[in-house]
Amino acid sequence: MRSTLRQGLRAAMAAGDRPAVAALRSAIAAIDNAQAPPVDDADASGPARPGGVGVGSTEIDRLELDENAIRSVLRAERDESLSAAAQFDALGRSEDAASMRARADVVARYLD
């Protein structure tokens, strides 16, 4: 799924499709954030790996998301865009609302 999103991003960039570029960048970033390991306050004061010093000592493996988890992140991104569109409509900002709906449509294509 992630590689499909990246391919879509490259195609959107080549086509100059700004709403698609924005939507796909946001979706990829949301997936990256979901893969971030939880921060444990007890370990925040020192290196990530016990006894680790030097290059790479603070590297922590990212979480692996399965297909369902990635789809859940994408659904949240779509829903967030639709919510923002509704808020823009309420403010009378129809262009911004249309842009957010376009972003939601882009993400929705990857959910089918």
PDB file of N, CA and C in Angstrom:
ATOM      1  N   MET A   1       0.825  -1.194   0.000  1.00  0.00           N
ATOM      2  CA  MET A   1       0.000   0.000   0.000  1.00  0.00           C
ATOM      3  C   MET A   1       0.869   1.257   0.000  1.00  0.00           C
ATOM      4  N   ARG A   2       1.911   1.231   0.824  1.00  0.00           N
ATOM      5  CA  ARG A   2       2.785   2.396   0.914  1.00  0.00           C
ATOM      6  C   ARG A   2       3.456   2.699  -0.433  1.00  0.00           C
ATOM      7  N   SER A   3       3.911   1.658  -1.119  1.00  0.00           N
ATOM      8  CA  SER A   3       4.554   1.885  -2.413  1.00  0.00           C
ATOM      9  C   SER A   3       3.538   2.393  -3.437  1.00  0.00           C
ATOM     10  N   THR A   4       2.306   1.949  -3.333  1.00  0.00           N
ATOM     11  CA  THR A   4       1.252   2.430  -4.231  1.00  0.00           C
ATOM     12  C   THR A   4       1.004   3.917  -3.995  1.00  0.00           C
ATOM     13  N   LEU A   5       0.994   4.330  -2.744  1.00  0.00           N
ATOM     14  CA  LEU A   5       0.815   5.746  -2.430  1.00  0.00           C
ATOM     15  C   LEU A   5       1.978   6.574  -2.969  1.00  0.00           C
ATOM     16  N   ARG A   6       3.186   6.056  -2.819  1.00  0.00           N
ATOM     17  CA  ARG A   6       4.359   6.788  -3.323  1.00  0.00           C
ATOM     18  C   ARG A   6       4.343   6.889  -4.849  1.00  0.00           C
ATOM     19  N   GLN A   7       3.916   5.833  -5.523  1.00  0.00           N
ATOM     20  CA  GLN A   7       3.789   5.885  -6.981  1.00  0.00           C
ATOM     21  C   GLN A   7       2.737   6.913  -7.381  1.00  0.00           C
ATOM     22  N   GLY A   8       1.631   6.922  -6.645  1.00  0.00           N
ATOM     23  CA  GLY A   8       0.589   7.907  -6.903  1.00  0.00           C
ATOM     24  C   GLY A   8       1.087   9.320  -6.686  1.00  0.00           C
ATOM     25  N   LEU A   9       1.907   9.515  -5.668  1.00  0.00           N
ATOM     26  CA  LEU A   9       2.481  10.831  -5.396  1.00  0.00           C
ATOM     27  C   LEU A   9       3.376  11.273  -6.552  1.00  0.00           C
ATOM     28  N   ARG A  10       4.227  10.377  -7.022  1.00  0.00           N
ATOM     29  CA  ARG A  10       5.103  10.729  -8.155  1.00  0.00           C
ATOM     30  C   ARG A  10       4.281  11.102  -9.385  1.00  0.00           C
ATOM     31  N   ALA A  11       3.227  10.334  -9.647  1.00  0.00           N
ATOM     32  CA  ALA A  11       2.375  10.616 -10.809  1.00  0.00           C
ATOM     33  C   ALA A  11       1.653  11.952 -10.641  1.00  0.00           C
ATOM     34  N   ALA A  12       1.168  12.229  -9.444  1.00  0.00           N
ATOM     35  CA  ALA A  12       0.470  13.490  -9.185  1.00  0.00           C
ATOM     36  C   ALA A  12       1.422  14.672  -9.335  1.00  0.00           C
ATOM     37  N   MET A  13       2.658  14.504  -8.876  1.00  0.00           N
ATOM     38  CA  MET A  13       3.647  15.572  -9.010  1.00  0.00           C
ATOM     39  C   MET A  13       3.951  15.825 -10.483  1.00  0.00           C
ATOM     40  N   ALA A  14       4.110  14.758 -11.246  1.00  0.00           N
ATOM     41  CA  ALA A  14       4.402  14.899 -12.671  1.00  0.00           C
ATOM     42  C   ALA A  14       3.247  15.564 -13.408  1.00  0.00           C
ATOM     43  N   ALA A  15       2.016  15.278 -12.969  1.00  0.00           N
ATOM     44  CA  ALA A  15       0.838  15.836 -13.620  1.00  0.00           C
ATOM     45  C   ALA A  15       0.503  17.242 -13.113  1.00  0.00           C
ATOM     46  N   GLY A  16       1.172  17.669 -12.043  1.00  0.00           N
ATOM     47  CA  GLY A  16       0.885  18.980 -11.477  1.00  0.00           C
ATOM     48  C   GLY A  16      -0.456  19.038 -10.758  1.00  0.00           C
ATOM     49  N   ASP A  17      -0.895  17.897 -10.252  1.00  0.00           N
ATOM     50  CA  ASP A  17      -2.170  17.795  -9.547  1.00  0.00           C
ATOM     51  C   ASP A  17      -1.954  18.153  -8.079  1.00  0.00           C
ATOM     52  N   ARG A  18      -2.085  19.443  -7.760  1.00  0.00           N
ATOM     53  CA  ARG A  18      -1.760  19.932  -6.418  1.00  0.00           C
ATOM     54  C   ARG A  18      -2.617  19.314  -5.311  1.00  0.00           C
ATOM     55  N   PRO A  19      -3.946  19.176  -5.508  1.00  0.00           N
ATOM     56  CA  PRO A  19      -4.736  18.547  -4.444  1.00  0.00           C
ATOM     57  C   PRO A  19      -4.305  17.104  -4.171  1.00  0.00           C
ATOM     58  N   ALA A  20      -3.989  16.367  -5.229  1.00  0.00           N
ATOM     59  CA  ALA A  20      -3.548  14.981  -5.051  1.00  0.00           C
ATOM     60  C   ALA A  20      -2.189  14.927  -4.364  1.00  0.00           C
ATOM     61  N   VAL A  21      -1.285  15.813  -4.745  1.00  0.00           N
ATOM     62  CA  VAL A  21       0.031  15.863  -4.097  1.00  0.00           C
ATOM     63  C   VAL A  21      -0.132  16.141  -2.606  1.00  0.00           C
ATOM     64  N   ALA A  22      -0.952  17.123  -2.269  1.00  0.00           N
ATOM     65  CA  ALA A  22      -1.166  17.466  -0.858  1.00  0.00           C
ATOM     66  C   ALA A  22      -1.791  16.304  -0.100  1.00  0.00           C
ATOM     67  N   ALA A  23      -2.788  15.661  -0.698  1.00  0.00           N
ATOM     68  CA  ALA A  23      -3.475  14.549  -0.033  1.00  0.00           C
ATOM     69  C   ALA A  23      -2.543  13.368   0.178  1.00  0.00           C
ATOM     70  N   LEU A  24      -1.762  13.039  -0.827  1.00  0.00           N
ATOM     71  CA  LEU A  24      -0.876  11.875  -0.725  1.00  0.00           C
ATOM     72  C   LEU A  24       0.288  12.139   0.222  1.00  0.00           C
ATOM     73  N   ARG A  25       0.822  13.342   0.210  1.00  0.00           N
ATOM     74  CA  ARG A  25       1.884  13.664   1.172  1.00  0.00           C
ATOM     75  C   ARG A  25       1.356  13.563   2.595  1.00  0.00           C
ATOM     76  N   SER A  26       0.164  14.080   2.803  1.00  0.00           N
ATOM     77  CA  SER A  26      -0.443  14.026   4.127  1.00  0.00           C
ATOM     78  C   SER A  26      -0.707  12.585   4.548  1.00  0.00           C
ATOM     79  N   ALA A  27      -1.191  11.763   3.624  1.00  0.00           N
ATOM     80  CA  ALA A  27      -1.477  10.361   3.943  1.00  0.00           C
ATOM     81  C   ALA A  27      -0.199   9.593   4.271  1.00  0.00           C
ATOM     82  N   ILE A  28       0.846   9.816   3.499  1.00  0.00           N
ATOM     83  CA  ILE A  28       2.122   9.139   3.751  1.00  0.00           C
ATOM     84  C   ILE A  28       2.693   9.585   5.097  1.00  0.00           C
ATOM     85  N   ALA A  29       2.587  10.870   5.400  1.00  0.00           N
ATOM     86  CA  ALA A  29       3.071  11.374   6.684  1.00  0.00           C
ATOM     87  C   ALA A  29       2.270  10.779   7.842  1.00  0.00           C
ATOM     88  N   ALA A  30       0.968  10.625   7.652  1.00  0.00           N
ATOM     89  CA  ALA A  30       0.133  10.034   8.707  1.00  0.00           C
ATOM     90  C   ALA A  30       0.529   8.584   8.956  1.00  0.00           C
ATOM     91  N   ILE A  31       0.847   7.866   7.899  1.00  0.00           N
ATOM     92  CA  ILE A  31       1.307   6.479   8.050  1.00  0.00           C
ATOM     93  C   ILE A  31       2.650   6.462   8.775  1.00  0.00           C
ATOM     94  N   ASP A  32       3.545   7.354   8.381  1.00  0.00           N
ATOM     95  CA  ASP A  32       4.849   7.449   9.064  1.00  0.00           C
ATOM     96  C   ASP A  32       4.656   7.720  10.547  1.00  0.00           C
ATOM     97  N   ASN A  33       3.757   8.631  10.883  1.00  0.00           N
ATOM     98  CA  ASN A  33       3.493   8.946  12.290  1.00  0.00           C
ATOM     99  C   ASN A  33       2.922   7.745  13.028  1.00  0.00           C
ATOM    100  N   ALA A  34       2.060   6.991  12.376  1.00  0.00           N
ATOM    101  CA  ALA A  34       1.470   5.812  13.012  1.00  0.00           C
ATOM    102  C   ALA A  34       2.520   4.729  13.252  1.00  0.00           C
ATOM    103  N   GLN A  35       3.586   4.748  12.475  1.00  0.00           N
ATOM    104  CA  GLN A  35       4.648   3.750  12.622  1.00  0.00           C
ATOM    105  C   GLN A  35       5.691   4.160  13.659  1.00  0.00           C
ATOM    106  N   ALA A  36       5.581   5.371  14.166  1.00  0.00           N
ATOM    107  CA  ALA A  36       6.548   5.812  15.166  1.00  0.00           C
ATOM    108  C   ALA A  36       6.360   5.009  16.447  1.00  0.00           C
ATOM    109  N   PRO A  37       7.455   4.558  17.033  1.00  0.00           N
ATOM    110  CA  PRO A  37       7.335   3.798  18.284  1.00  0.00           C
ATOM    111  C   PRO A  37       6.843   4.696  19.408  1.00  0.00           C
ATOM    112  N   PRO A  38       6.136   4.119  20.365  1.00  0.00           N
ATOM    113  CA  PRO A  38       5.665   4.936  21.488  1.00  0.00           C
ATOM    114  C   PRO A  38       6.843   5.458  22.301  1.00  0.00           C
ATOM    115  N   VAL A  39       6.678   6.642  22.817  1.00  0.00           N
ATOM    116  CA  VAL A  39       7.725   7.250  23.630  1.00  0.00           C
ATOM    117  C   VAL A  39       7.480   6.846  25.072  1.00  0.00           C
ATOM    118  N   ASP A  40       8.492   6.258  25.670  1.00  0.00           N
ATOM    119  CA  ASP A  40       8.421   5.853  27.066  1.00  0.00           C
ATOM    120  C   ASP A  40       9.214   6.868  27.873  1.00  0.00           C
ATOM    121  N   ASP A  41       8.550   7.583  28.747  1.00  0.00           N
ATOM    122  CA  ASP A  41       9.213   8.643  29.522  1.00  0.00           C
ATOM    123  C   ASP A  41      10.436   8.151  30.272  1.00  0.00           C
ATOM    124  N   ALA A  42      10.446   6.894  30.694  1.00  0.00           N
ATOM    125  CA  ALA A  42      11.578   6.366  31.458  1.00  0.00           C
ATOM    126  C   ALA A  42      12.836   6.279  30.602  1.00  0.00           C
ATOM    127  N   ASP A  43      12.677   6.097  29.289  1.00  0.00           N
ATOM    128  CA  ASP A  43      13.829   5.939  28.408  1.00  0.00           C
ATOM    129  C   ASP A  43      14.215   7.227  27.698  1.00  0.00           C
ATOM    130  N   ALA A  44      13.515   8.317  27.948  1.00  0.00           N
ATOM    131  CA  ALA A  44      13.742   9.548  27.202  1.00  0.00           C
ATOM    132  C   ALA A  44      15.046  10.246  27.573  1.00  0.00           C
ATOM    133  N   SER A  45      15.639   9.890  28.691  1.00  0.00           N
ATOM    134  CA  SER A  45      16.824  10.611  29.138  1.00  0.00           C
ATOM    135  C   SER A  45      18.136  10.076  28.579  1.00  0.00           C
ATOM    136  N   GLY A  46      18.130   8.897  28.008  1.00  0.00           N
ATOM    137  CA  GLY A  46      19.385   8.317  27.558  1.00  0.00           C
ATOM    138  C   GLY A  46      19.294   7.775  26.149  1.00  0.00           C
ATOM    139  N   PRO A  47      20.326   7.070  25.727  1.00  0.00           N
ATOM    140  CA  PRO A  47      20.321   6.504  24.380  1.00  0.00           C
ATOM    141  C   PRO A  47      19.224   5.454  24.230  1.00  0.00           C
ATOM    142  N   ALA A  48      18.788   5.271  22.995  1.00  0.00           N
ATOM    143  CA  ALA A  48      17.700   4.341  22.721  1.00  0.00           C
ATOM    144  C   ALA A  48      18.112   2.901  22.974  1.00  0.00           C
ATOM    145  N   ARG A  49      19.353   2.592  22.708  1.00  0.00           N
ATOM    146  CA  ARG A  49      19.831   1.226  22.918  1.00  0.00           C
ATOM    147  C   ARG A  49      20.763   1.213  24.118  1.00  0.00           C
ATOM    148  N   PRO A  50      20.540   0.307  25.035  1.00  0.00           N
ATOM    149  CA  PRO A  50      21.396   0.260  26.228  1.00  0.00           C
ATOM    150  C   PRO A  50      22.869   0.168  25.853  1.00  0.00           C
ATOM    151  N   GLY A  51      23.640   1.051  26.436  1.00  0.00           N
ATOM    152  CA  GLY A  51      25.078   1.034  26.188  1.00  0.00           C
ATOM    153  C   GLY A  51      25.460   1.607  24.844  1.00  0.00           C
ATOM    154  N   GLY A  52      24.480   2.087  24.088  1.00  0.00           N
ATOM    155  CA  GLY A  52      24.760   2.595  22.746  1.00  0.00           C
ATOM    156  C   GLY A  52      25.386   3.966  22.768  1.00  0.00           C
ATOM    157  N   VAL A  53      26.431   4.103  21.994  1.00  0.00           N
ATOM    158  CA  VAL A  53      27.099   5.378  21.851  1.00  0.00           C
ATOM    159  C   VAL A  53      27.527   5.485  20.397  1.00  0.00           C
ATOM    160  N   GLY A  54      27.387   6.660  19.829  1.00  0.00           N
ATOM    161  CA  GLY A  54      27.864   6.865  18.477  1.00  0.00           C
ATOM    162  C   GLY A  54      26.748   6.813  17.445  1.00  0.00           C
ATOM    163  N   VAL A  55      27.159   6.762  16.188  1.00  0.00           N
ATOM    164  CA  VAL A  55      26.221   6.790  15.077  1.00  0.00           C
ATOM    165  C   VAL A  55      25.272   5.603  15.157  1.00  0.00           C
ATOM    166  N   GLY A  56      23.979   5.897  15.050  1.00  0.00           N
ATOM    167  CA  GLY A  56      22.972   4.843  15.046  1.00  0.00           C
ATOM    168  C   GLY A  56      22.529   4.382  16.418  1.00  0.00           C
ATOM    169  N   SER A  57      23.153   4.895  17.466  1.00  0.00           N
ATOM    170  CA  SER A  57      22.813   4.417  18.809  1.00  0.00           C
ATOM    171  C   SER A  57      21.440   4.882  19.259  1.00  0.00           C
ATOM    172  N   THR A  58      20.926   5.901  18.629  1.00  0.00           N
ATOM    173  CA  THR A  58      19.606   6.402  19.012  1.00  0.00           C
ATOM    174  C   THR A  58      18.508   5.947  18.062  1.00  0.00           C
ATOM    175  N   GLU A  59      18.832   5.062  17.159  1.00  0.00           N
ATOM    176  CA  GLU A  59      17.846   4.560  16.212  1.00  0.00           C
ATOM    177  C   GLU A  59      16.956   3.517  16.868  1.00  0.00           C
ATOM    178  N   ILE A  60      15.672   3.645  16.629  1.00  0.00           N
ATOM    179  CA  ILE A  60      14.699   2.685  17.139  1.00  0.00           C
ATOM    180  C   ILE A  60      13.904   2.172  15.946  1.00  0.00           C
ATOM    181  N   ASP A  61      13.660   0.880  15.920  1.00  0.00           N
ATOM    182  CA  ASP A  61      12.889   0.309  14.828  1.00  0.00           C
ATOM    183  C   ASP A  61      11.477   0.876  14.832  1.00  0.00           C
ATOM    184  N   ARG A  62      10.967   1.152  13.631  1.00  0.00           N
ATOM    185  CA  ARG A  62       9.604   1.646  13.491  1.00  0.00           C
ATOM    186  C   ARG A  62       8.639   0.476  13.612  1.00  0.00           C
ATOM    187  N   LEU A  63       7.422   0.790  13.995  1.00  0.00           N
ATOM    188  CA  LEU A  63       6.384  -0.234  14.084  1.00  0.00           C
ATOM    189  C   LEU A  63       5.973  -0.664  12.684  1.00  0.00           C
ATOM    190  N   GLU A  64       5.634  -1.908  12.537  1.00  0.00           N
ATOM    191  CA  GLU A  64       5.130  -2.416  11.262  1.00  0.00           C
ATOM    192  C   GLU A  64       3.609  -2.389  11.296  1.00  0.00           C
ATOM    193  N   LEU A  65       3.009  -1.745  10.317  1.00  0.00           N
ATOM    194  CA  LEU A  65       1.552  -1.698  10.223  1.00  0.00           C
ATOM    195  C   LEU A  65       1.088  -2.694   9.176  1.00  0.00           C
ATOM    196  N   ASP A  66       0.048  -3.454   9.498  1.00  0.00           N
ATOM    197  CA  ASP A  66      -0.517  -4.342   8.494  1.00  0.00           C
ATOM    198  C   ASP A  66      -1.463  -3.546   7.596  1.00  0.00           C
ATOM    199  N   GLU A  67      -1.978  -4.210   6.584  1.00  0.00           N
ATOM    200  CA  GLU A  67      -2.844  -3.560   5.599  1.00  0.00           C
ATOM    201  C   GLU A  67      -4.067  -2.908   6.260  1.00  0.00           C
ATOM    202  N   ASN A  68      -4.653  -3.584   7.242  1.00  0.00           N
ATOM    203  CA  ASN A  68      -5.834  -3.039   7.919  1.00  0.00           C
ATOM    204  C   ASN A  68      -5.494  -1.774   8.692  1.00  0.00           C
ATOM    205  N   ALA A  69      -4.350  -1.748   9.333  1.00  0.00           N
ATOM    206  CA  ALA A  69      -3.941  -0.568  10.088  1.00  0.00           C
ATOM    207  C   ALA A  69      -3.689   0.614   9.149  1.00  0.00           C
ATOM    208  N   ILE A  70      -3.076   0.341   8.009  1.00  0.00           N
ATOM    209  CA  ILE A  70      -2.823   1.410   7.031  1.00  0.00           C
ATOM    210  C   ILE A  70      -4.146   1.939   6.495  1.00  0.00           C
ATOM    211  N   ARG A  71      -5.084   1.041   6.205  1.00  0.00           N
ATOM    212  CA  ARG A  71      -6.410   1.475   5.740  1.00  0.00           C
ATOM    213  C   ARG A  71      -7.105   2.323   6.803  1.00  0.00           C
ATOM    214  N   SER A  72      -6.932   1.974   8.045  1.00  0.00           N
ATOM    215  CA  SER A  72      -7.525   2.745   9.138  1.00  0.00           C
ATOM    216  C   SER A  72      -6.951   4.163   9.166  1.00  0.00           C
ATOM    217  N   VAL A  73      -5.647   4.273   8.969  1.00  0.00           N
ATOM    218  CA  VAL A  73      -5.001   5.590   8.923  1.00  0.00           C
ATOM    219  C   VAL A  73      -5.542   6.387   7.737  1.00  0.00           C
ATOM    220  N   LEU A  74      -5.687   5.731   6.587  1.00  0.00           N
ATOM    221  CA  LEU A  74      -6.201   6.417   5.403  1.00  0.00           C
ATOM    222  C   LEU A  74      -7.650   6.858   5.597  1.00  0.00           C
ATOM    223  N   ARG A  75      -8.467   6.006   6.240  1.00  0.00           N
ATOM    224  CA  ARG A  75      -9.850   6.398   6.521  1.00  0.00           C
ATOM    225  C   ARG A  75      -9.892   7.626   7.430  1.00  0.00           C
ATOM    226  N   ALA A  76      -9.007   7.658   8.411  1.00  0.00           N
ATOM    227  CA  ALA A  76      -8.948   8.816   9.313  1.00  0.00           C
ATOM    228  C   ALA A  76      -8.546  10.075   8.544  1.00  0.00           C
ATOM    229  N   GLU A  77      -7.616   9.948   7.619  1.00  0.00           N
ATOM    230  CA  GLU A  77      -7.206  11.087   6.796  1.00  0.00           C
ATOM    231  C   GLU A  77      -8.371  11.579   5.939  1.00  0.00           C
ATOM    232  N   ARG A  78      -9.084  10.643   5.317  1.00  0.00           N
ATOM    233  CA  ARG A  78     -10.245  11.002   4.499  1.00  0.00           C
ATOM    234  C   ARG A  78     -11.299  11.716   5.352  1.00  0.00           C
ATOM    235  N   ASP A  79     -11.607  11.133   6.512  1.00  0.00           N
ATOM    236  CA  ASP A  79     -12.623  11.709   7.388  1.00  0.00           C
ATOM    237  C   ASP A  79     -12.219  13.094   7.884  1.00  0.00           C
ATOM    238  N   GLU A  80     -10.941  13.268   8.170  1.00  0.00           N
ATOM    239  CA  GLU A  80     -10.446  14.566   8.618  1.00  0.00           C
ATOM    240  C   GLU A  80     -10.614  15.618   7.525  1.00  0.00           C
ATOM    241  N   SER A  81     -10.342  15.239   6.288  1.00  0.00           N
ATOM    242  CA  SER A  81     -10.516  16.175   5.167  1.00  0.00           C
ATOM    243  C   SER A  81     -11.987  16.532   4.976  1.00  0.00           C
ATOM    244  N   LEU A  82     -12.866  15.542   5.102  1.00  0.00           N
ATOM    245  CA  LEU A  82     -14.294  15.811   4.960  1.00  0.00           C
ATOM    246  C   LEU A  82     -14.810  16.704   6.091  1.00  0.00           C
ATOM    247  N   SER A  83     -14.303  16.493   7.286  1.00  0.00           N
ATOM    248  CA  SER A  83     -14.679  17.335   8.420  1.00  0.00           C
ATOM    249  C   SER A  83     -14.220  18.771   8.189  1.00  0.00           C
ATOM    250  N   ALA A  84     -13.008  18.928   7.704  1.00  0.00           N
ATOM    251  CA  ALA A  84     -12.493  20.268   7.410  1.00  0.00           C
ATOM    252  C   ALA A  84     -13.330  20.931   6.315  1.00  0.00           C
ATOM    253  N   ALA A  85     -13.743  20.147   5.322  1.00  0.00           N
ATOM    254  CA  ALA A  85     -14.585  20.689   4.254  1.00  0.00           C
ATOM    255  C   ALA A  85     -15.903  21.201   4.815  1.00  0.00           C
ATOM    256  N   ALA A  86     -16.496  20.461   5.733  1.00  0.00           N
ATOM    257  CA  ALA A  86     -17.755  20.889   6.355  1.00  0.00           C
ATOM    258  C   ALA A  86     -17.555  22.181   7.145  1.00  0.00           C
ATOM    259  N   GLN A  87     -16.434  22.284   7.826  1.00  0.00           N
ATOM    260  CA  GLN A  87     -16.144  23.500   8.580  1.00  0.00           C
ATOM    261  C   GLN A  87     -15.950  24.689   7.653  1.00  0.00           C
ATOM    262  N   PHE A  88     -15.257  24.472   6.536  1.00  0.00           N
ATOM    263  CA  PHE A  88     -15.084  25.553   5.570  1.00  0.00           C
ATOM    264  C   PHE A  88     -16.427  25.966   4.972  1.00  0.00           C
ATOM    265  N   ASP A  89     -17.292  24.997   4.691  1.00  0.00           N
ATOM    266  CA  ASP A  89     -18.631  25.323   4.190  1.00  0.00           C
ATOM    267  C   ASP A  89     -19.381  26.202   5.178  1.00  0.00           C
ATOM    268  N   ALA A  90     -19.295  25.861   6.454  1.00  0.00           N
ATOM    269  CA  ALA A  90     -19.988  26.635   7.490  1.00  0.00           C
ATOM    270  C   ALA A  90     -19.469  28.068   7.567  1.00  0.00           C
ATOM    271  N   LEU A  91     -18.232  28.256   7.183  1.00  0.00           N
ATOM    272  CA  LEU A  91     -17.638  29.598   7.195  1.00  0.00           C
ATOM    273  C   LEU A  91     -17.833  30.336   5.876  1.00  0.00           C
ATOM    274  N   GLY A  92     -18.483  29.673   4.917  1.00  0.00           N
ATOM    275  CA  GLY A  92     -18.700  30.286   3.611  1.00  0.00           C
ATOM    276  C   GLY A  92     -17.476  30.273   2.723  1.00  0.00           C
ATOM    277  N   ARG A  93     -16.552  29.400   3.010  1.00  0.00           N
ATOM    278  CA  ARG A  93     -15.309  29.318   2.217  1.00  0.00           C
ATOM    279  C   ARG A  93     -15.396  28.114   1.283  1.00  0.00           C
ATOM    280  N   SER A  94     -16.186  28.271   0.239  1.00  0.00           N
ATOM    281  CA  SER A  94     -16.502  27.157  -0.658  1.00  0.00           C
ATOM    282  C   SER A  94     -15.282  26.642  -1.424  1.00  0.00           C
ATOM    283  N   GLU A  95     -14.355  27.521  -1.793  1.00  0.00           N
ATOM    284  CA  GLU A  95     -13.152  27.056  -2.513  1.00  0.00           C
ATOM    285  C   GLU A  95     -12.309  26.143  -1.635  1.00  0.00           C
ATOM    286  N   ASP A  96     -12.133  26.537  -0.377  1.00  0.00           N
ATOM    287  CA  ASP A  96     -11.363  25.714   0.549  1.00  0.00           C
ATOM    288  C   ASP A  96     -12.074  24.388   0.814  1.00  0.00           C
ATOM    289  N   ALA A  97     -13.403  24.447   0.920  1.00  0.00           N
ATOM    290  CA  ALA A  97     -14.183  23.223   1.134  1.00  0.00           C
ATOM    291  C   ALA A  97     -14.026  22.279  -0.050  1.00  0.00           C
ATOM    292  N   ALA A  98     -14.070  22.815  -1.252  1.00  0.00           N
ATOM    293  CA  ALA A  98     -13.913  21.994  -2.452  1.00  0.00           C
ATOM    294  C   ALA A  98     -12.527  21.364  -2.502  1.00  0.00           C
ATOM    295  N   SER A  99     -11.521  22.126  -2.083  1.00  0.00           N
ATOM    296  CA  SER A  99     -10.155  21.600  -2.059  1.00  0.00           C
ATOM    297  C   SER A  99     -10.045  20.430  -1.081  1.00  0.00           C
ATOM    298  N   MET A 100     -10.656  20.572   0.083  1.00  0.00           N
ATOM    299  CA  MET A 100     -10.599  19.490   1.076  1.00  0.00           C
ATOM    300  C   MET A 100     -11.380  18.266   0.599  1.00  0.00           C
ATOM    301  N   ARG A 101     -12.486  18.483  -0.092  1.00  0.00           N
ATOM    302  CA  ARG A 101     -13.229  17.337  -0.652  1.00  0.00           C
ATOM    303  C   ARG A 101     -12.410  16.630  -1.731  1.00  0.00           C
ATOM    304  N   ALA A 102     -11.680  17.409  -2.522  1.00  0.00           N
ATOM    305  CA  ALA A 102     -10.819  16.811  -3.548  1.00  0.00           C
ATOM    306  C   ALA A 102      -9.737  15.949  -2.900  1.00  0.00           C
ATOM    307  N   ARG A 103      -9.185  16.431  -1.792  1.00  0.00           N
ATOM    308  CA  ARG A 103      -8.175  15.657  -1.074  1.00  0.00           C
ATOM    309  C   ARG A 103      -8.781  14.368  -0.523  1.00  0.00           C
ATOM    310  N   ALA A 104      -9.983  14.477   0.020  1.00  0.00           N
ATOM    311  CA  ALA A 104     -10.664  13.291   0.551  1.00  0.00           C
ATOM    312  C   ALA A 104     -10.929  12.273  -0.561  1.00  0.00           C
ATOM    313  N   ASP A 105     -11.297  12.768  -1.745  1.00  0.00           N
ATOM    314  CA  ASP A 105     -11.547  11.879  -2.882  1.00  0.00           C
ATOM    315  C   ASP A 105     -10.285  11.134  -3.298  1.00  0.00           C
ATOM    316  N   VAL A 106      -9.164  11.834  -3.271  1.00  0.00           N
ATOM    317  CA  VAL A 106      -7.882  11.203  -3.636  1.00  0.00           C
ATOM    318  C   VAL A 106      -7.579  10.058  -2.683  1.00  0.00           C
ATOM    319  N   VAL A 107      -7.693  10.310  -1.394  1.00  0.00           N
ATOM    320  CA  VAL A 107      -7.408   9.275  -0.399  1.00  0.00           C
ATOM    321  C   VAL A 107      -8.398   8.121  -0.529  1.00  0.00           C
ATOM    322  N   ALA A 108      -9.666   8.447  -0.784  1.00  0.00           N
ATOM    323  CA  ALA A 108     -10.697   7.418  -0.906  1.00  0.00           C
ATOM    324  C   ALA A 108     -10.388   6.433  -2.039  1.00  0.00           C
ATOM    325  N   ARG A 109      -9.737   6.925  -3.095  1.00  0.00           N
ATOM    326  CA  ARG A 109      -9.374   6.026  -4.222  1.00  0.00           C
ATOM    327  C   ARG A 109      -8.463   4.897  -3.770  1.00  0.00           C
ATOM    328  N   TYR A 110      -7.660   5.148  -2.751  1.00  0.00           N
ATOM    329  CA  TYR A 110      -6.734   4.121  -2.275  1.00  0.00           C
ATOM    330  C   TYR A 110      -7.390   3.173  -1.276  1.00  0.00           C
ATOM    331  N   LEU A 111      -8.606   3.474  -0.891  1.00  0.00           N
ATOM    332  CA  LEU A 111      -9.344   2.619   0.026  1.00  0.00           C
ATOM    333  C   LEU A 111     -10.198   1.587  -0.708  1.00  0.00           C
ATOM    334  N   ASP A 112     -10.429   1.792  -1.972  1.00  0.00           N
ATOM    335  CA  ASP A 112     -11.256   0.858  -2.763  1.00  0.00           C
ATOM    336  C   ASP A 112     -10.545  -0.426  -3.086  1.00  0.00           C
TER     337      ASP A 112
END
